Amino acid sequence: MTATIGFVVIGRNEGERLIACLRSLNETGGGLIVYVDSGSTDDSIENAIALSAEIVRLDMRKPFTAARARNAGARRHIELGAPVYIQFIDGDCTLAAGWLKAAAEYLDTHPEFAVVCGRRREQRPDASIYNRLCDLEWATPVGEAIACGGDALMRTDAIASVGFYDETLIAGEEPELCLRLREKGWRISRIAAEMTQHDAAISRFSQWWKRAKRAGHAFAEVSDIHRASPKRIWALETRRALLWSMIAPVAVLLAMASSPFWLLALLAYPAQAFRLWRSARPALGLDAAPYAALSVLGKFAEAEGVISYLINRLRRRRSRLIEYK
């Protein structure tokens, strides 16, 4: 395993979370760890060196993106002697014991697959409703998938053959990479194995809103980049965000211009929240109500992200990274 698997860890000011991440990787018996730092002002680099990681410092004169950091780590591995597989992991995550063996065995026996991922869990789902919703988000179906998240084991030659991640994307870089892989005939899989524990640390509504805004921006940008693709990635999600956000202003304008009965259209929001609550209640219990309410509110945040991308595109300006922590 040592000669065939390398690690790429990305982070910025992760503190104790980075130490926990690197320790979990050292415990696997895997290969070289490359830590890519995006301008940390804490002791992240010193801690990474102490835990035997190879350090890559990103040029601070260029905009930071997760995609740029992952590419820098992958290219450093290639410079040093490319491993067969690279395990990408964010610095706020720890790797589950047994994951690396299960994932590598899967790729060893399924040569048509370029990427394998597993179950990512939140470390502290009880800390906030937002953390619990993140944990639900990670619980995607097992089997062939269309995309992975930031944590995944990938074939080095496969991702190199499609040009690695798109460094211009401020979010959504993993599904975009997976789309290009699938267009080249590669496949993506999610297996029934524990993979990582993640620390979202979302305790405020404003953090959750910015996270949803990032998602909306990613929907719009990635679907626009690949608008000619028959796979039509995230086109539906982009339209859905805009549709739900437009009901309220259109209803108010029509009510002002013609009849107040148009305000009845606003009932679509509580009706949708009720539908989501009813379908989620058997699985989520008391969390079904906040899940439903935040899912409806989230469409407004996503729409803000979509609109910000479209405005910047018209102005021919690059979008700025949307931080939510």
C-alpha atoms as a PDB file:
ATOM      1  CA  MET A   1       0.000   0.000   0.000  1.00  0.00           C
ATOM      2  CA  THR A   2       2.805   2.407   0.854  1.00  0.00           C
ATOM      3  CA  ALA A   3       4.143   2.613  -2.697  1.00  0.00           C
ATOM      4  CA  THR A   4       0.771   2.936  -4.405  1.00  0.00           C
ATOM      5  CA  ILE A   5      -1.137   5.498  -2.342  1.00  0.00           C
ATOM      6  CA  GLY A   6      -0.321   9.099  -1.536  1.00  0.00           C
ATOM      7  CA  PHE A   7      -2.297  11.718   0.360  1.00  0.00           C
ATOM      8  CA  VAL A   8      -3.192  15.298  -0.490  1.00  0.00           C
ATOM      9  CA  VAL A   9      -4.421  17.374   2.449  1.00  0.00           C
ATOM     10  CA  ILE A  10      -5.581  20.958   1.912  1.00  0.00           C
ATOM     11  CA  GLY A  11      -6.207  23.531   4.600  1.00  0.00           C
ATOM     12  CA  ARG A  12      -6.009  27.020   5.979  1.00  0.00           C
ATOM     13  CA  ASN A  13      -5.866  27.803   9.697  1.00  0.00           C
ATOM     14  CA  GLU A  14      -7.384  24.442  10.660  1.00  0.00           C
ATOM     15  CA  GLY A  15      -5.574  24.292  13.997  1.00  0.00           C
ATOM     16  CA  GLU A  16      -6.180  21.121  15.997  1.00  0.00           C
ATOM     17  CA  ARG A  17      -8.343  19.717  13.219  1.00  0.00           C
ATOM     18  CA  LEU A  18      -5.328  19.536  10.904  1.00  0.00           C
ATOM     19  CA  ILE A  19      -3.280  17.746  13.562  1.00  0.00           C
ATOM     20  CA  ALA A  20      -6.062  15.175  13.972  1.00  0.00           C
ATOM     21  CA  CYS A  21      -6.285  14.787  10.197  1.00  0.00           C
ATOM     22  CA  LEU A  22      -2.574  14.150   9.711  1.00  0.00           C
ATOM     23  CA  ARG A  23      -2.408  11.743  12.644  1.00  0.00           C
ATOM     24  CA  SER A  24      -5.246   9.702  11.158  1.00  0.00           C
ATOM     25  CA  LEU A  25      -3.315   9.448   7.881  1.00  0.00           C
ATOM     26  CA  ASN A  26      -0.079   8.434   9.592  1.00  0.00           C
ATOM     27  CA  GLU A  27      -1.935   5.622  11.341  1.00  0.00           C
ATOM     28  CA  THR A  28      -2.952   4.032   8.010  1.00  0.00           C
ATOM     29  CA  GLY A  29       0.561   3.029   6.974  1.00  0.00           C
ATOM     30  CA  GLY A  30      -0.025   4.720   3.641  1.00  0.00           C
ATOM     31  CA  GLY A  31       2.474   6.690   1.610  1.00  0.00           C
ATOM     32  CA  LEU A  32       3.638  10.292   1.405  1.00  0.00           C
ATOM     33  CA  ILE A  33       1.420  13.029   2.805  1.00  0.00           C
ATOM     34  CA  VAL A  34       1.472  16.311   0.895  1.00  0.00           C
ATOM     35  CA  TYR A  35      -0.049  19.188   2.852  1.00  0.00           C
ATOM     36  CA  VAL A  36      -1.036  22.197   0.743  1.00  0.00           C
ATOM     37  CA  ASP A  37      -1.415  25.387   2.754  1.00  0.00           C
ATOM     38  CA  SER A  38      -3.511  28.323   1.556  1.00  0.00           C
ATOM     39  CA  GLY A  39      -1.945  31.184   3.487  1.00  0.00           C
ATOM     40  CA  SER A  40      -2.406  29.996   7.067  1.00  0.00           C
ATOM     41  CA  THR A  41      -1.515  32.478   9.788  1.00  0.00           C
ATOM     42  CA  ASP A  42      -1.540  29.898  12.593  1.00  0.00           C
ATOM     43  CA  ASP A  43       1.006  27.124  13.164  1.00  0.00           C
ATOM     44  CA  SER A  44      -0.460  24.779  10.535  1.00  0.00           C
ATOM     45  CA  ILE A  45       2.766  24.467   8.541  1.00  0.00           C
ATOM     46  CA  GLU A  46       4.900  23.791  11.618  1.00  0.00           C
ATOM     47  CA  ASN A  47       2.437  21.158  12.823  1.00  0.00           C
ATOM     48  CA  ALA A  48       2.373  19.492   9.406  1.00  0.00           C
ATOM     49  CA  ILE A  49       6.178  19.345   9.274  1.00  0.00           C
ATOM     50  CA  ALA A  50       6.236  17.807  12.750  1.00  0.00           C
ATOM     51  CA  LEU A  51       3.854  15.120  11.496  1.00  0.00           C
ATOM     52  CA  SER A  52       6.118  14.231   8.537  1.00  0.00           C
ATOM     53  CA  ALA A  53       4.137  15.920   5.776  1.00  0.00           C
ATOM     54  CA  GLU A  54       5.645  17.348   2.606  1.00  0.00           C
ATOM     55  CA  ILE A  55       4.684  21.034   2.466  1.00  0.00           C
ATOM     56  CA  VAL A  56       3.401  23.014  -0.504  1.00  0.00           C
ATOM     57  CA  ARG A  57       2.764  26.704   0.093  1.00  0.00           C
ATOM     58  CA  LEU A  58       0.411  28.297  -2.419  1.00  0.00           C
ATOM     59  CA  ASP A  59       1.450  31.599  -3.970  1.00  0.00           C
ATOM     60  CA  MET A  60      -0.586  34.194  -2.081  1.00  0.00           C
ATOM     61  CA  ARG A  61      -0.632  36.538  -5.066  1.00  0.00           C
ATOM     62  CA  LYS A  62      -3.159  34.268  -6.787  1.00  0.00           C
ATOM     63  CA  PRO A  63      -6.728  33.601  -5.599  1.00  0.00           C
ATOM     64  CA  PHE A  64      -7.066  30.582  -3.343  1.00  0.00           C
ATOM     65  CA  THR A  65      -9.459  27.793  -4.322  1.00  0.00           C
ATOM     66  CA  ALA A  66      -9.758  24.230  -3.083  1.00  0.00           C
ATOM     67  CA  ALA A  67      -9.259  23.052  -6.657  1.00  0.00           C
ATOM     68  CA  ARG A  68      -5.981  24.936  -6.977  1.00  0.00           C
ATOM     69  CA  ALA A  69      -4.740  23.472  -3.686  1.00  0.00           C
ATOM     70  CA  ARG A  70      -5.659  19.906  -4.662  1.00  0.00           C
ATOM     71  CA  ASN A  71      -3.946  20.290  -8.018  1.00  0.00           C
ATOM     72  CA  ALA A  72      -0.799  21.598  -6.357  1.00  0.00           C
ATOM     73  CA  GLY A  73      -0.730  18.575  -4.079  1.00  0.00           C
ATOM     74  CA  ALA A  74      -1.315  16.101  -6.905  1.00  0.00           C
ATOM     75  CA  ARG A  75       1.389  17.678  -9.052  1.00  0.00           C
ATOM     76  CA  ARG A  76       3.846  17.555  -6.165  1.00  0.00           C
ATOM     77  CA  HIS A  77       3.201  13.836  -5.872  1.00  0.00           C
ATOM     78  CA  ILE A  78       3.866  13.429  -9.591  1.00  0.00           C
ATOM     79  CA  GLU A  79       7.130  15.350  -9.272  1.00  0.00           C
ATOM     80  CA  LEU A  80       8.230  13.028  -6.474  1.00  0.00           C
ATOM     81  CA  GLY A  81       7.118   9.825  -8.227  1.00  0.00           C
ATOM     82  CA  ALA A  82       3.422   9.466  -8.884  1.00  0.00           C
ATOM     83  CA  PRO A  83       1.541   6.984  -6.697  1.00  0.00           C
ATOM     84  CA  VAL A  84      -1.088   4.854  -8.405  1.00  0.00           C
ATOM     85  CA  TYR A  85      -3.823   6.368  -6.236  1.00  0.00           C
ATOM     86  CA  ILE A  86      -4.209   9.673  -4.399  1.00  0.00           C
ATOM     87  CA  GLN A  87      -6.438  10.047  -1.369  1.00  0.00           C
ATOM     88  CA  PHE A  88      -7.714  13.616  -1.260  1.00  0.00           C
ATOM     89  CA  ILE A  89      -8.914  14.848   2.111  1.00  0.00           C
ATOM     90  CA  ASP A  90      -9.754  18.224   3.601  1.00  0.00           C
ATOM     91  CA  GLY A  91      -7.813  19.397   6.637  1.00  0.00           C
ATOM     92  CA  ASP A  92     -10.971  19.494   8.766  1.00  0.00           C
ATOM     93  CA  CYS A  93     -11.517  15.743   8.321  1.00  0.00           C
ATOM     94  CA  THR A  94     -10.051  12.549   9.733  1.00  0.00           C
ATOM     95  CA  LEU A  95      -9.731   9.297   7.796  1.00  0.00           C
ATOM     96  CA  ALA A  96     -11.621   6.271   9.070  1.00  0.00           C
ATOM     97  CA  ALA A  97      -9.629   3.179  10.005  1.00  0.00           C
ATOM     98  CA  GLY A  98      -9.985   0.559   7.301  1.00  0.00           C
ATOM     99  CA  TRP A  99     -11.085   2.979   4.586  1.00  0.00           C
ATOM    100  CA  LEU A 100      -7.857   3.033   2.625  1.00  0.00           C
ATOM    101  CA  LYS A 101      -7.665  -0.763   2.346  1.00  0.00           C
ATOM    102  CA  ALA A 102     -11.295  -1.070   1.241  1.00  0.00           C
ATOM    103  CA  ALA A 103     -11.037   1.756  -1.287  1.00  0.00           C
ATOM    104  CA  ALA A 104      -7.751   0.570  -2.796  1.00  0.00           C
ATOM    105  CA  GLU A 105      -9.053  -2.980  -3.132  1.00  0.00           C
ATOM    106  CA  TYR A 106     -12.111  -1.643  -4.932  1.00  0.00           C
ATOM    107  CA  LEU A 107     -10.052   0.276  -7.492  1.00  0.00           C
ATOM    108  CA  ASP A 108      -7.646  -2.647  -7.847  1.00  0.00           C
ATOM    109  CA  THR A 109     -10.527  -4.931  -8.854  1.00  0.00           C
ATOM    110  CA  HIS A 110     -12.565  -2.370 -10.829  1.00  0.00           C
ATOM    111  CA  PRO A 111     -10.194  -0.858 -13.414  1.00  0.00           C
ATOM    112  CA  GLU A 112     -13.000   1.041 -15.142  1.00  0.00           C
ATOM    113  CA  PHE A 113     -13.547   3.221 -12.061  1.00  0.00           C
ATOM    114  CA  ALA A 114     -11.471   6.364 -11.580  1.00  0.00           C
ATOM    115  CA  VAL A 115     -12.868   7.484  -8.228  1.00  0.00           C
ATOM    116  CA  VAL A 116     -14.190   5.733  -5.144  1.00  0.00           C
ATOM    117  CA  CYS A 117     -15.699   7.405  -2.101  1.00  0.00           C
ATOM    118  CA  GLY A 118     -17.551   6.253   1.004  1.00  0.00           C
ATOM    119  CA  ARG A 119     -19.542   7.592   3.936  1.00  0.00           C
ATOM    120  CA  ARG A 120     -18.481  10.956   5.258  1.00  0.00           C
ATOM    121  CA  ARG A 121     -19.927  11.796   8.670  1.00  0.00           C
ATOM    122  CA  GLU A 122     -20.078  14.856  10.822  1.00  0.00           C
ATOM    123  CA  GLN A 123     -17.951  14.621  13.978  1.00  0.00           C
ATOM    124  CA  ARG A 124     -20.419  16.642  16.051  1.00  0.00           C
ATOM    125  CA  PRO A 125     -23.903  16.289  14.547  1.00  0.00           C
ATOM    126  CA  ASP A 126     -25.526  17.226  17.857  1.00  0.00           C
ATOM    127  CA  ALA A 127     -23.692  20.564  18.087  1.00  0.00           C
ATOM    128  CA  SER A 128     -26.221  22.324  15.833  1.00  0.00           C
ATOM    129  CA  ILE A 129     -29.065  21.649  13.447  1.00  0.00           C
ATOM    130  CA  TYR A 130     -26.777  22.813  10.646  1.00  0.00           C
ATOM    131  CA  ASN A 131     -24.218  20.131  11.474  1.00  0.00           C
ATOM    132  CA  ARG A 132     -26.978  17.522  11.531  1.00  0.00           C
ATOM    133  CA  LEU A 133     -28.181  18.634   8.108  1.00  0.00           C
ATOM    134  CA  CYS A 134     -24.622  18.362   6.797  1.00  0.00           C
ATOM    135  CA  ASP A 135     -24.500  14.794   8.090  1.00  0.00           C
ATOM    136  CA  LEU A 136     -27.714  14.036   6.210  1.00  0.00           C
ATOM    137  CA  GLU A 137     -26.252  15.595   3.084  1.00  0.00           C
ATOM    138  CA  TRP A 138     -23.301  13.188   3.190  1.00  0.00           C
ATOM    139  CA  ALA A 139     -25.621  10.135   3.359  1.00  0.00           C
ATOM    140  CA  THR A 140     -25.836   9.599  -0.400  1.00  0.00           C
ATOM    141  CA  PRO A 141     -26.782   6.232  -1.967  1.00  0.00           C
ATOM    142  CA  VAL A 142     -24.252   3.442  -2.331  1.00  0.00           C
ATOM    143  CA  GLY A 143     -23.445   2.327  -5.870  1.00  0.00           C
ATOM    144  CA  GLU A 144     -22.365   3.964  -9.081  1.00  0.00           C
ATOM    145  CA  ALA A 145     -22.433   7.741  -8.643  1.00  0.00           C
ATOM    146  CA  ILE A 146     -22.182  10.806 -10.835  1.00  0.00           C
ATOM    147  CA  ALA A 147     -19.819  12.661  -8.490  1.00  0.00           C
ATOM    148  CA  CYS A 148     -17.856  12.589  -5.257  1.00  0.00           C
ATOM    149  CA  GLY A 149     -17.089  15.181  -2.606  1.00  0.00           C
ATOM    150  CA  GLY A 150     -13.784  16.606  -1.446  1.00  0.00           C
ATOM    151  CA  ASP A 151     -12.714  13.328   0.182  1.00  0.00           C
ATOM    152  CA  ALA A 152     -12.095  10.489  -2.283  1.00  0.00           C
ATOM    153  CA  LEU A 153      -9.518   8.004  -3.537  1.00  0.00           C
ATOM    154  CA  MET A 154      -8.652   8.682  -7.194  1.00  0.00           C
ATOM    155  CA  ARG A 155      -6.493   7.137  -9.899  1.00  0.00           C
ATOM    156  CA  THR A 156      -3.595   9.483 -10.513  1.00  0.00           C
ATOM    157  CA  ASP A 157      -3.394   8.760 -14.227  1.00  0.00           C
ATOM    158  CA  ALA A 158      -7.142   9.252 -14.694  1.00  0.00           C
ATOM    159  CA  ILE A 159      -7.303  12.708 -13.149  1.00  0.00           C
ATOM    160  CA  ALA A 160      -4.086  13.720 -14.898  1.00  0.00           C
ATOM    161  CA  SER A 161      -5.543  12.655 -18.247  1.00  0.00           C
ATOM    162  CA  VAL A 162      -8.411  15.163 -17.926  1.00  0.00           C
ATOM    163  CA  GLY A 163      -6.278  18.027 -16.620  1.00  0.00           C
ATOM    164  CA  PHE A 164      -7.000  17.688 -12.887  1.00  0.00           C
ATOM    165  CA  TYR A 165      -9.453  20.048 -11.165  1.00  0.00           C
ATOM    166  CA  ASP A 166     -10.650  23.315 -12.704  1.00  0.00           C
ATOM    167  CA  GLU A 167      -8.757  25.849 -10.570  1.00  0.00           C
ATOM    168  CA  THR A 168     -11.062  28.747 -11.515  1.00  0.00           C
ATOM    169  CA  LEU A 169     -14.064  27.257  -9.665  1.00  0.00           C
ATOM    170  CA  ILE A 170     -14.765  28.586  -6.183  1.00  0.00           C
ATOM    171  CA  ALA A 171     -17.059  25.617  -5.449  1.00  0.00           C
ATOM    172  CA  GLY A 172     -18.336  22.494  -7.150  1.00  0.00           C
ATOM    173  CA  GLU A 173     -14.930  21.444  -8.414  1.00  0.00           C
ATOM    174  CA  GLU A 174     -15.399  17.747  -7.558  1.00  0.00           C
ATOM    175  CA  PRO A 175     -18.629  17.165  -9.555  1.00  0.00           C
ATOM    176  CA  GLU A 176     -17.114  19.132 -12.436  1.00  0.00           C
ATOM    177  CA  LEU A 177     -14.014  16.912 -12.447  1.00  0.00           C
ATOM    178  CA  CYS A 178     -16.187  13.806 -12.223  1.00  0.00           C
ATOM    179  CA  LEU A 179     -18.231  14.991 -15.197  1.00  0.00           C
ATOM    180  CA  ARG A 180     -15.114  15.261 -17.358  1.00  0.00           C
ATOM    181  CA  LEU A 181     -13.971  11.844 -16.174  1.00  0.00           C
ATOM    182  CA  ARG A 182     -17.325  10.301 -17.067  1.00  0.00           C
ATOM    183  CA  GLU A 183     -17.266  11.950 -20.482  1.00  0.00           C
ATOM    184  CA  LYS A 184     -13.957  10.136 -21.060  1.00  0.00           C
ATOM    185  CA  GLY A 185     -15.528   6.790 -20.143  1.00  0.00           C
ATOM    186  CA  TRP A 186     -14.407   6.575 -16.512  1.00  0.00           C
ATOM    187  CA  ARG A 187     -16.872   5.661 -13.759  1.00  0.00           C
ATOM    188  CA  ILE A 188     -17.405   6.840 -10.168  1.00  0.00           C
ATOM    189  CA  SER A 189     -18.439   4.645  -7.228  1.00  0.00           C
ATOM    190  CA  ARG A 190     -19.614   5.109  -3.670  1.00  0.00           C
ATOM    191  CA  ILE A 191     -19.076   2.040  -1.524  1.00  0.00           C
ATOM    192  CA  ALA A 192     -20.611   1.013   1.793  1.00  0.00           C
ATOM    193  CA  ALA A 193     -17.603   1.851   3.942  1.00  0.00           C
ATOM    194  CA  GLU A 194     -16.870   4.524   6.515  1.00  0.00           C
ATOM    195  CA  MET A 195     -14.507   7.053   4.890  1.00  0.00           C
ATOM    196  CA  THR A 196     -14.030  10.277   6.859  1.00  0.00           C
ATOM    197  CA  GLN A 197     -15.303  12.339   9.740  1.00  0.00           C
ATOM    198  CA  HIS A 198     -15.808  16.020   8.997  1.00  0.00           C
ATOM    199  CA  ASP A 199     -16.088  19.016  11.298  1.00  0.00           C
ATOM    200  CA  ALA A 200     -18.393  21.528   9.635  1.00  0.00           C
ATOM    201  CA  ALA A 201     -18.467  23.715  12.768  1.00  0.00           C
ATOM    202  CA  ILE A 202     -21.556  25.564  11.536  1.00  0.00           C
ATOM    203  CA  SER A 203     -23.262  27.134  14.521  1.00  0.00           C
ATOM    204  CA  ARG A 204     -24.867  30.248  13.018  1.00  0.00           C
ATOM    205  CA  PHE A 205     -27.575  30.830  10.430  1.00  0.00           C
ATOM    206  CA  SER A 206     -25.265  33.203   8.545  1.00  0.00           C
ATOM    207  CA  GLN A 207     -22.713  30.404   8.069  1.00  0.00           C
ATOM    208  CA  TRP A 208     -25.382  28.078   6.775  1.00  0.00           C
ATOM    209  CA  TRP A 209     -26.690  30.773   4.400  1.00  0.00           C
ATOM    210  CA  LYS A 210     -23.239  31.380   2.917  1.00  0.00           C
ATOM    211  CA  ARG A 211     -22.750  27.648   2.462  1.00  0.00           C
ATOM    212  CA  ALA A 212     -26.027  27.418   0.517  1.00  0.00           C
ATOM    213  CA  LYS A 213     -25.017  30.486  -1.479  1.00  0.00           C
ATOM    214  CA  ARG A 214     -21.785  28.732  -2.472  1.00  0.00           C
ATOM    215  CA  ALA A 215     -23.838  25.776  -3.645  1.00  0.00           C
ATOM    216  CA  GLY A 216     -26.018  28.009  -5.818  1.00  0.00           C
ATOM    217  CA  HIS A 217     -22.963  29.672  -7.323  1.00  0.00           C
ATOM    218  CA  ALA A 218     -21.518  26.237  -8.108  1.00  0.00           C
ATOM    219  CA  PHE A 219     -24.791  25.113  -9.713  1.00  0.00           C
ATOM    220  CA  ALA A 220     -24.796  28.107 -12.040  1.00  0.00           C
ATOM    221  CA  GLU A 221     -21.110  28.146 -12.919  1.00  0.00           C
ATOM    222  CA  VAL A 222     -20.622  24.431 -13.543  1.00  0.00           C
ATOM    223  CA  SER A 223     -23.876  24.099 -15.503  1.00  0.00           C
ATOM    224  CA  ASP A 224     -22.862  27.108 -17.602  1.00  0.00           C
ATOM    225  CA  ILE A 225     -19.380  25.751 -18.326  1.00  0.00           C
ATOM    226  CA  HIS A 226     -20.875  22.432 -19.454  1.00  0.00           C
ATOM    227  CA  ARG A 227     -24.076  23.719 -21.038  1.00  0.00           C
ATOM    228  CA  ALA A 228     -23.244  21.855 -24.267  1.00  0.00           C
ATOM    229  CA  SER A 229     -22.793  18.534 -22.470  1.00  0.00           C
ATOM    230  CA  PRO A 230     -25.638  16.012 -22.888  1.00  0.00           C
ATOM    231  CA  LYS A 231     -25.295  15.198 -19.180  1.00  0.00           C
ATOM    232  CA  ARG A 232     -26.600  18.706 -18.286  1.00  0.00           C
ATOM    233  CA  ILE A 233     -24.994  18.796 -14.860  1.00  0.00           C
ATOM    234  CA  TRP A 234     -26.800  21.026 -12.335  1.00  0.00           C
ATOM    235  CA  ALA A 235     -29.005  22.742 -14.938  1.00  0.00           C
ATOM    236  CA  LEU A 236     -32.123  21.576 -13.084  1.00  0.00           C
ATOM    237  CA  GLU A 237     -30.774  22.727  -9.703  1.00  0.00           C
ATOM    238  CA  THR A 238     -30.005  26.161 -11.127  1.00  0.00           C
ATOM    239  CA  ARG A 239     -33.486  26.588 -12.593  1.00  0.00           C
ATOM    240  CA  ARG A 240     -35.138  25.285  -9.428  1.00  0.00           C
ATOM    241  CA  ALA A 241     -33.314  27.818  -7.225  1.00  0.00           C
ATOM    242  CA  LEU A 242     -34.345  30.693  -9.481  1.00  0.00           C
ATOM    243  CA  LEU A 243     -37.931  29.477  -9.780  1.00  0.00           C
ATOM    244  CA  TRP A 244     -38.556  29.200  -6.059  1.00  0.00           C
ATOM    245  CA  SER A 245     -36.911  32.528  -5.313  1.00  0.00           C
ATOM    246  CA  MET A 246     -38.968  34.300  -7.971  1.00  0.00           C
ATOM    247  CA  ILE A 247     -42.398  33.246  -6.679  1.00  0.00           C
ATOM    248  CA  ALA A 248     -42.419  35.849  -3.893  1.00  0.00           C
ATOM    249  CA  PRO A 249     -41.389  38.979  -5.859  1.00  0.00           C
ATOM    250  CA  VAL A 250     -43.563  38.080  -8.849  1.00  0.00           C
ATOM    251  CA  ALA A 251     -46.589  37.438  -6.623  1.00  0.00           C
ATOM    252  CA  VAL A 252     -46.134  40.776  -4.849  1.00  0.00           C
ATOM    253  CA  LEU A 253     -45.729  42.698  -8.107  1.00  0.00           C
ATOM    254  CA  LEU A 254     -48.813  41.090  -9.657  1.00  0.00           C
ATOM    255  CA  ALA A 255     -50.794  41.787  -6.482  1.00  0.00           C
ATOM    256  CA  MET A 256     -49.783  45.459  -6.620  1.00  0.00           C
ATOM    257  CA  ALA A 257     -50.535  45.715 -10.334  1.00  0.00           C
ATOM    258  CA  SER A 258     -53.761  43.775 -10.623  1.00  0.00           C
ATOM    259  CA  SER A 259     -55.281  41.779  -7.769  1.00  0.00           C
ATOM    260  CA  PRO A 260     -54.325  40.942  -4.174  1.00  0.00           C
ATOM    261  CA  PHE A 261     -55.360  37.363  -4.873  1.00  0.00           C
ATOM    262  CA  TRP A 262     -51.923  36.874  -6.429  1.00  0.00           C
ATOM    263  CA  LEU A 263     -50.561  36.880  -2.885  1.00  0.00           C
ATOM    264  CA  LEU A 264     -52.032  33.407  -2.507  1.00  0.00           C
ATOM    265  CA  ALA A 265     -49.073  32.225  -4.551  1.00  0.00           C
ATOM    266  CA  LEU A 266     -46.964  32.786  -1.439  1.00  0.00           C
ATOM    267  CA  LEU A 267     -48.679  29.753   0.080  1.00  0.00           C
ATOM    268  CA  ALA A 268     -46.415  27.680  -2.160  1.00  0.00           C
ATOM    269  CA  TYR A 269     -43.628  28.100   0.410  1.00  0.00           C
ATOM    270  CA  PRO A 270     -45.416  26.694   3.481  1.00  0.00           C
ATOM    271  CA  ALA A 271     -46.965  24.027   1.256  1.00  0.00           C
ATOM    272  CA  GLN A 272     -43.530  22.920   0.090  1.00  0.00           C
ATOM    273  CA  ALA A 273     -42.186  23.000   3.648  1.00  0.00           C
ATOM    274  CA  PHE A 274     -45.121  20.857   4.796  1.00  0.00           C
ATOM    275  CA  ARG A 275     -44.515  18.366   1.985  1.00  0.00           C
ATOM    276  CA  LEU A 276     -40.836  18.068   2.904  1.00  0.00           C
ATOM    277  CA  TRP A 277     -41.647  17.758   6.615  1.00  0.00           C
ATOM    278  CA  ARG A 278     -44.157  14.977   6.017  1.00  0.00           C
ATOM    279  CA  SER A 279     -41.797  12.961   3.818  1.00  0.00           C
ATOM    280  CA  ALA A 280     -38.817  13.445   6.159  1.00  0.00           C
ATOM    281  CA  ARG A 281     -40.581  12.899   9.493  1.00  0.00           C
ATOM    282  CA  PRO A 282     -40.254   9.065   9.584  1.00  0.00           C
ATOM    283  CA  ALA A 283     -36.473   9.275   9.198  1.00  0.00           C
ATOM    284  CA  LEU A 284     -35.665  12.570  10.924  1.00  0.00           C
ATOM    285  CA  GLY A 285     -38.206  12.816  13.711  1.00  0.00           C
ATOM    286  CA  LEU A 286     -37.968  16.210  15.439  1.00  0.00           C
ATOM    287  CA  ASP A 287     -35.344  17.355  12.934  1.00  0.00           C
ATOM    288  CA  ALA A 288     -37.846  17.088  10.076  1.00  0.00           C
ATOM    289  CA  ALA A 289     -39.339  20.526  10.765  1.00  0.00           C
ATOM    290  CA  PRO A 290     -36.074  22.530  10.709  1.00  0.00           C
ATOM    291  CA  TYR A 291     -34.913  20.431   7.754  1.00  0.00           C
ATOM    292  CA  ALA A 292     -38.041  21.383   5.815  1.00  0.00           C
ATOM    293  CA  ALA A 293     -37.875  25.065   6.744  1.00  0.00           C
ATOM    294  CA  LEU A 294     -34.168  25.401   5.933  1.00  0.00           C
ATOM    295  CA  SER A 295     -34.602  23.512   2.655  1.00  0.00           C
ATOM    296  CA  VAL A 296     -37.149  26.082   1.510  1.00  0.00           C
ATOM    297  CA  LEU A 297     -35.129  29.039   2.777  1.00  0.00           C
ATOM    298  CA  GLY A 298     -32.054  27.546   1.157  1.00  0.00           C
ATOM    299  CA  LYS A 299     -33.499  28.137  -2.304  1.00  0.00           C
ATOM    300  CA  PHE A 300     -33.211  31.885  -1.680  1.00  0.00           C
ATOM    301  CA  ALA A 301     -29.569  31.514  -0.655  1.00  0.00           C
ATOM    302  CA  GLU A 302     -28.877  29.330  -3.691  1.00  0.00           C
ATOM    303  CA  ALA A 303     -30.596  31.875  -5.919  1.00  0.00           C
ATOM    304  CA  GLU A 304     -28.352  34.595  -4.493  1.00  0.00           C
ATOM    305  CA  GLY A 305     -25.362  32.496  -5.505  1.00  0.00           C
ATOM    306  CA  VAL A 306     -26.785  31.897  -8.983  1.00  0.00           C
ATOM    307  CA  ILE A 307     -27.495  35.586  -9.514  1.00  0.00           C
ATOM    308  CA  SER A 308     -24.062  36.641  -8.234  1.00  0.00           C
ATOM    309  CA  TYR A 309     -22.446  34.318 -10.769  1.00  0.00           C
ATOM    310  CA  LEU A 310     -24.624  35.616 -13.619  1.00  0.00           C
ATOM    311  CA  ILE A 311     -23.907  39.253 -12.730  1.00  0.00           C
ATOM    312  CA  ASN A 312     -20.166  38.639 -12.589  1.00  0.00           C
ATOM    313  CA  ARG A 313     -20.344  36.808 -15.888  1.00  0.00           C
ATOM    314  CA  LEU A 314     -22.072  39.778 -17.530  1.00  0.00           C
ATOM    315  CA  ARG A 315     -19.428  42.078 -16.079  1.00  0.00           C
ATOM    316  CA  ARG A 316     -16.720  39.625 -17.129  1.00  0.00           C
ATOM    317  CA  ARG A 317     -15.415  39.564 -13.595  1.00  0.00           C
ATOM    318  CA  ARG A 318     -14.169  36.596 -11.641  1.00  0.00           C
ATOM    319  CA  SER A 319     -16.287  35.664  -8.641  1.00  0.00           C
ATOM    320  CA  ARG A 320     -14.687  35.939  -5.227  1.00  0.00           C
ATOM    321  CA  LEU A 321     -14.419  32.974  -2.916  1.00  0.00           C
ATOM    322  CA  ILE A 322     -17.467  32.795  -0.648  1.00  0.00           C
ATOM    323  CA  GLU A 323     -16.209  31.903   2.833  1.00  0.00           C
ATOM    324  CA  TYR A 324     -18.767  30.498   5.257  1.00  0.00           C
ATOM    325  CA  LYS A 325     -16.625  29.808   8.320  1.00  0.00           C
END
